[in-house]
PDB file of N, CA and C in Angstrom:
ATOM      1  N   MET A   1      56.179  17.176 159.495  1.00  0.00           N
ATOM      2  CA  MET A   1      55.926  15.837 158.994  1.00  0.00           C
ATOM      3  C   MET A   1      55.894  15.792 157.478  1.00  0.00           C
ATOM      4  N   ALA A   2      55.696  16.932 156.842  1.00  0.00           N
ATOM      5  CA  ALA A   2      55.737  16.937 155.382  1.00  0.00           C
ATOM      6  C   ALA A   2      57.101  16.447 154.926  1.00  0.00           C
ATOM      7  N   ASP A   3      58.122  16.695 155.740  1.00  0.00           N
ATOM      8  CA  ASP A   3      59.463  16.234 155.423  1.00  0.00           C
ATOM      9  C   ASP A   3      59.498  14.704 155.344  1.00  0.00           C
ATOM     10  N   LEU A   4      58.863  14.035 156.275  1.00  0.00           N
ATOM     11  CA  LEU A   4      58.821  12.572 156.269  1.00  0.00           C
ATOM     12  C   LEU A   4      58.040  12.070 155.058  1.00  0.00           C
ATOM     13  N   LEU A   5      56.929  12.711 154.746  1.00  0.00           N
ATOM     14  CA  LEU A   5      56.147  12.342 153.565  1.00  0.00           C
ATOM     15  C   LEU A   5      56.973  12.550 152.300  1.00  0.00           C
ATOM     16  N   ASP A   6      57.701  13.657 152.224  1.00  0.00           N
ATOM     17  CA  ASP A   6      58.563  13.916 151.061  1.00  0.00           C
ATOM     18  C   ASP A   6      59.665  12.863 150.936  1.00  0.00           C
ATOM     19  N   ARG A   7      60.236  12.489 152.061  1.00  0.00           N
ATOM     20  CA  ARG A   7      61.281  11.455 152.018  1.00  0.00           C
ATOM     21  C   ARG A   7      60.719  10.117 151.557  1.00  0.00           C
ATOM     22  N   MET A   8      59.495   9.803 151.985  1.00  0.00           N
ATOM     23  CA  MET A   8      58.860   8.564 151.529  1.00  0.00           C
ATOM     24  C   MET A   8      58.580   8.622 150.027  1.00  0.00           C
ATOM     25  N   ARG A   9      58.146   9.784 149.556  1.00  0.00           N
ATOM     26  CA  ARG A   9      57.859   9.957 148.138  1.00  0.00           C
ATOM     27  C   ARG A   9      59.145   9.792 147.312  1.00  0.00           C
ATOM     28  N   GLN A  10      60.235  10.353 147.792  1.00  0.00           N
ATOM     29  CA  GLN A  10      61.498  10.308 147.063  1.00  0.00           C
ATOM     30  C   GLN A  10      62.193   8.959 147.154  1.00  0.00           C
ATOM     31  N   ASN A  11      61.959   8.220 148.243  1.00  0.00           N
ATOM     32  CA  ASN A  11      62.641   6.953 148.444  1.00  0.00           C
ATOM     33  C   ASN A  11      61.683   5.902 149.014  1.00  0.00           C
ATOM     34  N   PRO A  12      60.737   5.418 148.185  1.00  0.00           N
ATOM     35  CA  PRO A  12      59.785   4.435 148.701  1.00  0.00           C
ATOM     36  C   PRO A  12      60.438   3.105 149.079  1.00  0.00           C
ATOM     37  N   ALA A  13      61.633   2.859 148.594  1.00  0.00           N
ATOM     38  CA  ALA A  13      62.336   1.608 148.903  1.00  0.00           C
ATOM     39  C   ALA A  13      63.172   1.720 150.176  1.00  0.00           C
ATOM     40  N   GLY A  14      63.049   2.829 150.898  1.00  0.00           N
ATOM     41  CA  GLY A  14      63.807   3.000 152.130  1.00  0.00           C
ATOM     42  C   GLY A  14      63.389   1.988 153.182  1.00  0.00           C
ATOM     43  N   ASP A  15      64.083   1.993 154.286  1.00  0.00           N
ATOM     44  CA  ASP A  15      63.802   1.057 155.380  1.00  0.00           C
ATOM     45  C   ASP A  15      62.702   1.635 156.268  1.00  0.00           C
ATOM     46  N   TRP A  16      61.481   1.744 155.731  1.00  0.00           N
ATOM     47  CA  TRP A  16      60.379   2.340 156.454  1.00  0.00           C
ATOM     48  C   TRP A  16      59.750   1.346 157.412  1.00  0.00           C
ATOM     49  N   THR A  17      59.330   1.849 158.539  1.00  0.00           N
ATOM     50  CA  THR A  17      58.673   1.005 159.543  1.00  0.00           C
ATOM     51  C   THR A  17      57.199   1.398 159.637  1.00  0.00           C
ATOM     52  N   ILE A  18      56.439   0.573 160.292  1.00  0.00           N
ATOM     53  CA  ILE A  18      55.017   0.882 160.495  1.00  0.00           C
ATOM     54  C   ILE A  18      54.884   2.121 161.372  1.00  0.00           C
ATOM     55  N   ARG A  19      55.845   2.388 162.225  1.00  0.00           N
ATOM     56  CA  ARG A  19      55.834   3.595 163.063  1.00  0.00           C
ATOM     57  C   ARG A  19      55.938   4.852 162.195  1.00  0.00           C
ATOM     58  N   ASP A  20      56.745   4.797 161.130  1.00  0.00           N
ATOM     59  CA  ASP A  20      56.838   5.925 160.197  1.00  0.00           C
ATOM     60  C   ASP A  20      55.486   6.164 159.527  1.00  0.00           C
ATOM     61  N   VAL A  21      54.838   5.083 159.121  1.00  0.00           N
ATOM     62  CA  VAL A  21      53.524   5.172 158.485  1.00  0.00           C
ATOM     63  C   VAL A  21      52.518   5.779 159.464  1.00  0.00           C
ATOM     64  N   GLU A  22      52.530   5.317 160.704  1.00  0.00           N
ATOM     65  CA  GLU A  22      51.612   5.846 161.717  1.00  0.00           C
ATOM     66  C   GLU A  22      51.856   7.334 161.968  1.00  0.00           C
ATOM     67  N   THR A  23      53.105   7.748 161.981  1.00  0.00           N
ATOM     68  CA  THR A  23      53.443   9.143 162.226  1.00  0.00           C
ATOM     69  C   THR A  23      52.842  10.046 161.160  1.00  0.00           C
ATOM     70  N   VAL A  24      53.010   9.677 159.904  1.00  0.00           N
ATOM     71  CA  VAL A  24      52.458  10.487 158.814  1.00  0.00           C
ATOM     72  C   VAL A  24      50.931  10.449 158.848  1.00  0.00           C
ATOM     73  N   CYS A  25      50.353   9.313 159.114  1.00  0.00           N
ATOM     74  CA  CYS A  25      48.893   9.200 159.189  1.00  0.00           C
ATOM     75  C   CYS A  25      48.338  10.106 160.287  1.00  0.00           C
ATOM     76  N   ARG A  26      48.983  10.099 161.429  1.00  0.00           N
ATOM     77  CA  ARG A  26      48.541  10.940 162.550  1.00  0.00           C
ATOM     78  C   ARG A  26      48.574  12.421 162.154  1.00  0.00           C
ATOM     79  N   GLN A  27      49.618  12.823 161.442  1.00  0.00           N
ATOM     80  CA  GLN A  27      49.774  14.219 161.033  1.00  0.00           C
ATOM     81  C   GLN A  27      48.604  14.677 160.153  1.00  0.00           C
ATOM     82  N   TYR A  28      48.094  13.791 159.308  1.00  0.00           N
ATOM     83  CA  TYR A  28      47.017  14.145 158.382  1.00  0.00           C
ATOM     84  C   TYR A  28      45.654  13.610 158.830  1.00  0.00           C
ATOM     85  N   ARG A  29      45.569  13.209 160.085  1.00  0.00           N
ATOM     86  CA  ARG A  29      44.323  12.699 160.687  1.00  0.00           C
ATOM     87  C   ARG A  29      43.731  11.542 159.891  1.00  0.00           C
ATOM     88  N   ILE A  30      44.611  10.650 159.503  1.00  0.00           N
ATOM     89  CA  ILE A  30      44.227   9.426 158.818  1.00  0.00           C
ATOM     90  C   ILE A  30      44.315   8.302 159.837  1.00  0.00           C
ATOM     91  N   MET A  31      43.285   7.471 159.875  1.00  0.00           N
ATOM     92  CA  MET A  31      43.285   6.357 160.821  1.00  0.00           C
ATOM     93  C   MET A  31      44.254   5.273 160.354  1.00  0.00           C
ATOM     94  N   CYS A  32      45.036   4.779 161.284  1.00  0.00           N
ATOM     95  CA  CYS A  32      45.979   3.695 161.003  1.00  0.00           C
ATOM     96  C   CYS A  32      45.869   2.722 162.168  1.00  0.00           C
ATOM     97  N   GLY A  33      45.060   1.674 161.962  1.00  0.00           N
ATOM     98  CA  GLY A  33      44.773   0.756 163.046  1.00  0.00           C
ATOM     99  C   GLY A  33      45.567  -0.529 162.964  1.00  0.00           C
ATOM    100  N   PRO A  34      45.961  -1.048 164.121  1.00  0.00           N
ATOM    101  CA  PRO A  34      46.717  -2.295 164.153  1.00  0.00           C
ATOM    102  C   PRO A  34      45.845  -3.487 163.744  1.00  0.00           C
ATOM    103  N   PRO A  35      46.473  -4.586 163.390  1.00  0.00           N
ATOM    104  CA  PRO A  35      45.709  -5.773 163.000  1.00  0.00           C
ATOM    105  C   PRO A  35      44.866  -6.292 164.160  1.00  0.00           C
ATOM    106  N   ARG A  36      43.728  -6.864 163.804  1.00  0.00           N
ATOM    107  CA  ARG A  36      42.851  -7.450 164.819  1.00  0.00           C
ATOM    108  C   ARG A  36      42.728  -8.941 164.554  1.00  0.00           C
ATOM    109  N   GLY A  37      42.614  -9.692 165.591  1.00  0.00           N
ATOM    110  CA  GLY A  37      42.359 -11.118 165.447  1.00  0.00           C
ATOM    111  C   GLY A  37      43.487 -11.899 164.807  1.00  0.00           C
ATOM    112  N   GLY A  38      44.718 -11.509 165.054  1.00  0.00           N
ATOM    113  CA  GLY A  38      45.848 -12.288 164.561  1.00  0.00           C
ATOM    114  C   GLY A  38      46.326 -11.931 163.175  1.00  0.00           C
ATOM    115  N   GLY A  39      45.802 -10.865 162.568  1.00  0.00           N
ATOM    116  CA  GLY A  39      46.245 -10.450 161.238  1.00  0.00           C
ATOM    117  C   GLY A  39      47.621  -9.810 161.280  1.00  0.00           C
ATOM    118  N   SER A  40      48.160  -9.512 160.115  1.00  0.00           N
ATOM    119  CA  SER A  40      49.490  -8.919 160.062  1.00  0.00           C
ATOM    120  C   SER A  40      49.510  -7.601 159.294  1.00  0.00           C
ATOM    121  N   HIS A  41      48.337  -7.069 158.931  1.00  0.00           N
ATOM    122  CA  HIS A  41      48.277  -5.841 158.154  1.00  0.00           C
ATOM    123  C   HIS A  41      47.543  -4.741 158.932  1.00  0.00           C
ATOM    124  N   TYR A  42      48.143  -3.551 158.945  1.00  0.00           N
ATOM    125  CA  TYR A  42      47.504  -2.380 159.521  1.00  0.00           C
ATOM    126  C   TYR A  42      46.491  -1.854 158.513  1.00  0.00           C
ATOM    127  N   LYS A  43      45.391  -1.294 159.006  1.00  0.00           N
ATOM    128  CA  LYS A  43      44.363  -0.718 158.151  1.00  0.00           C
ATOM    129  C   LYS A  43      44.524   0.793 158.148  1.00  0.00           C
ATOM    130  N   VAL A  44      44.544   1.385 156.964  1.00  0.00           N
ATOM    131  CA  VAL A  44      44.679   2.825 156.804  1.00  0.00           C
ATOM    132  C   VAL A  44      43.405   3.329 156.135  1.00  0.00           C
ATOM    133  N   ALA A  45      42.730   4.313 156.768  1.00  0.00           N
ATOM    134  CA  ALA A  45      41.465   4.809 156.232  1.00  0.00           C
ATOM    135  C   ALA A  45      41.247   6.254 156.647  1.00  0.00           C
ATOM    136  N   HIS A  46      40.373   6.907 155.913  1.00  0.00           N
ATOM    137  CA  HIS A  46      39.950   8.266 156.231  1.00  0.00           C
ATOM    138  C   HIS A  46      38.453   8.339 155.973  1.00  0.00           C
ATOM    139  N   PRO A  47      37.687   9.016 156.839  1.00  0.00           N
ATOM    140  CA  PRO A  47      36.231   9.040 156.682  1.00  0.00           C
ATOM    141  C   PRO A  47      35.745   9.593 155.336  1.00  0.00           C
ATOM    142  N   MET A  48      36.519  10.460 154.713  1.00  0.00           N
ATOM    143  CA  MET A  48      36.101  11.074 153.447  1.00  0.00           C
ATOM    144  C   MET A  48      36.554  10.282 152.213  1.00  0.00           C
ATOM    145  N   MET A  49      37.253   9.177 152.432  1.00  0.00           N
ATOM    146  CA  MET A  49      37.776   8.383 151.321  1.00  0.00           C
ATOM    147  C   MET A  49      37.082   7.022 151.291  1.00  0.00           C
ATOM    148  N   ALA A  50      36.670   6.602 150.119  1.00  0.00           N
ATOM    149  CA  ALA A  50      36.049   5.278 149.978  1.00  0.00           C
ATOM    150  C   ALA A  50      37.110   4.180 150.052  1.00  0.00           C
ATOM    151  N   GLU A  51      38.284   4.483 149.540  1.00  0.00           N
ATOM    152  CA  GLU A  51      39.366   3.497 149.511  1.00  0.00           C
ATOM    153  C   GLU A  51      39.966   3.306 150.899  1.00  0.00           C
ATOM    154  N   LYS A  52      40.335   2.076 151.187  1.00  0.00           N
ATOM    155  CA  LYS A  52      41.058   1.739 152.419  1.00  0.00           C
ATOM    156  C   LYS A  52      42.308   0.978 152.007  1.00  0.00           C
ATOM    157  N   LEU A  53      43.387   1.219 152.701  1.00  0.00           N
ATOM    158  CA  LEU A  53      44.647   0.537 152.404  1.00  0.00           C
ATOM    159  C   LEU A  53      44.975  -0.446 153.512  1.00  0.00           C
ATOM    160  N   THR A  54      45.714  -1.461 153.159  1.00  0.00           N
ATOM    161  CA  THR A  54      46.295  -2.354 154.158  1.00  0.00           C
ATOM    162  C   THR A  54      47.795  -2.326 153.957  1.00  0.00           C
ATOM    163  N   ILE A  55      48.499  -2.243 155.062  1.00  0.00           N
ATOM    164  CA  ILE A  55      49.961  -2.180 155.017  1.00  0.00           C
ATOM    165  C   ILE A  55      50.509  -3.235 155.968  1.00  0.00           C
ATOM    166  N   PRO A  56      51.370  -4.108 155.467  1.00  0.00           N
ATOM    167  CA  PRO A  56      51.907  -5.164 156.325  1.00  0.00           C
ATOM    168  C   PRO A  56      52.829  -4.598 157.400  1.00  0.00           C
ATOM    169  N   TYR A  57      52.792  -5.234 158.536  1.00  0.00           N
ATOM    170  CA  TYR A  57      53.637  -4.840 159.658  1.00  0.00           C
ATOM    171  C   TYR A  57      55.086  -5.247 159.409  1.00  0.00           C
ATOM    172  N   LYS A  58      55.267  -6.291 158.639  1.00  0.00           N
ATOM    173  CA  LYS A  58      56.593  -6.864 158.398  1.00  0.00           C
ATOM    174  C   LYS A  58      57.538  -5.839 157.765  1.00  0.00           C
ATOM    175  N   ARG A  59      58.804  -5.863 158.233  1.00  0.00           N
ATOM    176  CA  ARG A  59      59.827  -4.973 157.696  1.00  0.00           C
ATOM    177  C   ARG A  59      60.719  -5.723 156.753  1.00  0.00           C
ATOM    178  N   PRO A  60      61.293  -5.100 155.763  1.00  0.00           N
ATOM    179  CA  PRO A  60      60.955  -3.741 155.350  1.00  0.00           C
ATOM    180  C   PRO A  60      59.625  -3.725 154.617  1.00  0.00           C
ATOM    181  N   ILE A  61      58.931  -2.606 154.715  1.00  0.00           N
ATOM    182  CA  ILE A  61      57.661  -2.456 154.008  1.00  0.00           C
ATOM    183  C   ILE A  61      58.001  -2.256 152.535  1.00  0.00           C
ATOM    184  N   LYS A  62      57.372  -3.028 151.675  1.00  0.00           N
ATOM    185  CA  LYS A  62      57.672  -2.974 150.249  1.00  0.00           C
ATOM    186  C   LYS A  62      57.320  -1.600 149.677  1.00  0.00           C
ATOM    187  N   PRO A  63      58.109  -1.158 148.676  1.00  0.00           N
ATOM    188  CA  PRO A  63      57.897   0.169 148.079  1.00  0.00           C
ATOM    189  C   PRO A  63      56.478   0.385 147.547  1.00  0.00           C
ATOM    190  N   VAL A  64      55.842  -0.651 147.036  1.00  0.00           N
ATOM    191  CA  VAL A  64      54.492  -0.491 146.492  1.00  0.00           C
ATOM    192  C   VAL A  64      53.522   0.002 147.560  1.00  0.00           C
ATOM    193  N   TYR A  65      53.664  -0.454 148.791  1.00  0.00           N
ATOM    194  CA  TYR A  65      52.794  -0.010 149.881  1.00  0.00           C
ATOM    195  C   TYR A  65      53.065   1.450 150.252  1.00  0.00           C
ATOM    196  N   ILE A  66      54.327   1.834 150.237  1.00  0.00           N
ATOM    197  CA  ILE A  66      54.694   3.219 150.553  1.00  0.00           C
ATOM    198  C   ILE A  66      54.156   4.150 149.470  1.00  0.00           C
ATOM    199  N   ARG A  67      54.310   3.764 148.206  1.00  0.00           N
ATOM    200  CA  ARG A  67      53.801   4.591 147.103  1.00  0.00           C
ATOM    201  C   ARG A  67      52.284   4.779 147.219  1.00  0.00           C
ATOM    202  N   LYS A  68      51.570   3.691 147.484  1.00  0.00           N
ATOM    203  CA  LYS A  68      50.114   3.777 147.616  1.00  0.00           C
ATOM    204  C   LYS A  68      49.720   4.681 148.777  1.00  0.00           C
ATOM    205  N   ARG A  69      50.455   4.612 149.861  1.00  0.00           N
ATOM    206  CA  ARG A  69      50.133   5.431 151.012  1.00  0.00           C
ATOM    207  C   ARG A  69      50.419   6.898 150.735  1.00  0.00           C
ATOM    208  N   VAL A  70      51.487   7.204 150.022  1.00  0.00           N
ATOM    209  CA  VAL A  70      51.790   8.590 149.658  1.00  0.00           C
ATOM    210  C   VAL A  70      50.657   9.156 148.796  1.00  0.00           C
ATOM    211  N   VAL A  71      50.194   8.389 147.819  1.00  0.00           N
ATOM    212  CA  VAL A  71      49.076   8.825 146.972  1.00  0.00           C
ATOM    213  C   VAL A  71      47.821   9.024 147.815  1.00  0.00           C
ATOM    214  N   PHE A  72      47.575   8.135 148.755  1.00  0.00           N
ATOM    215  CA  PHE A  72      46.416   8.227 149.639  1.00  0.00           C
ATOM    216  C   PHE A  72      46.475   9.519 150.456  1.00  0.00           C
ATOM    217  N   VAL A  73      47.623   9.826 151.028  1.00  0.00           N
ATOM    218  CA  VAL A  73      47.784  11.036 151.837  1.00  0.00           C
ATOM    219  C   VAL A  73      47.573  12.282 150.959  1.00  0.00           C
ATOM    220  N   GLU A  74      48.104  12.266 149.757  1.00  0.00           N
ATOM    221  CA  GLU A  74      47.924  13.404 148.855  1.00  0.00           C
ATOM    222  C   GLU A  74      46.455  13.601 148.501  1.00  0.00           C
ATOM    223  N   ALA A  75      45.714  12.508 148.338  1.00  0.00           N
ATOM    224  CA  ALA A  75      44.280  12.604 148.053  1.00  0.00           C
ATOM    225  C   ALA A  75      43.537  13.197 149.247  1.00  0.00           C
ATOM    226  N   VAL A  76      43.921  12.811 150.443  1.00  0.00           N
ATOM    227  CA  VAL A  76      43.292  13.359 151.654  1.00  0.00           C
ATOM    228  C   VAL A  76      43.608  14.850 151.774  1.00  0.00           C
ATOM    229  N   ARG A  77      44.826  15.220 151.478  1.00  0.00           N
ATOM    230  CA  ARG A  77      45.213  16.632 151.552  1.00  0.00           C
ATOM    231  C   ARG A  77      44.412  17.477 150.561  1.00  0.00           C
ATOM    232  N   ALA A  78      44.034  16.888 149.429  1.00  0.00           N
ATOM    233  CA  ALA A  78      43.285  17.616 148.396  1.00  0.00           C
ATOM    234  C   ALA A  78      41.816  17.825 148.758  1.00  0.00           C
ATOM    235  N   LEU A  79      41.331  17.117 149.765  1.00  0.00           N
ATOM    236  CA  LEU A  79      39.908  17.243 150.148  1.00  0.00           C
ATOM    237  C   LEU A  79      39.607  18.612 150.722  1.00  0.00           C
TER     238      LEU A  79
END
């Protein structure tokens, strides 16, 4: 899965789906929960991190969300 994370880092403007985000989150034991109550953003969190991310389900996912998630995963890996 590091390969998928590397590809996201190198090409944040790619045609990434929420499934790609979930796959990387699962690999690093990061919670990625679907929207509740009619929302459109997935919640990304880790118990050791104060920050929580929201990522829209809509495709394509904007590069800014992919970049933030890559930084988040790297911070979790550093713990």
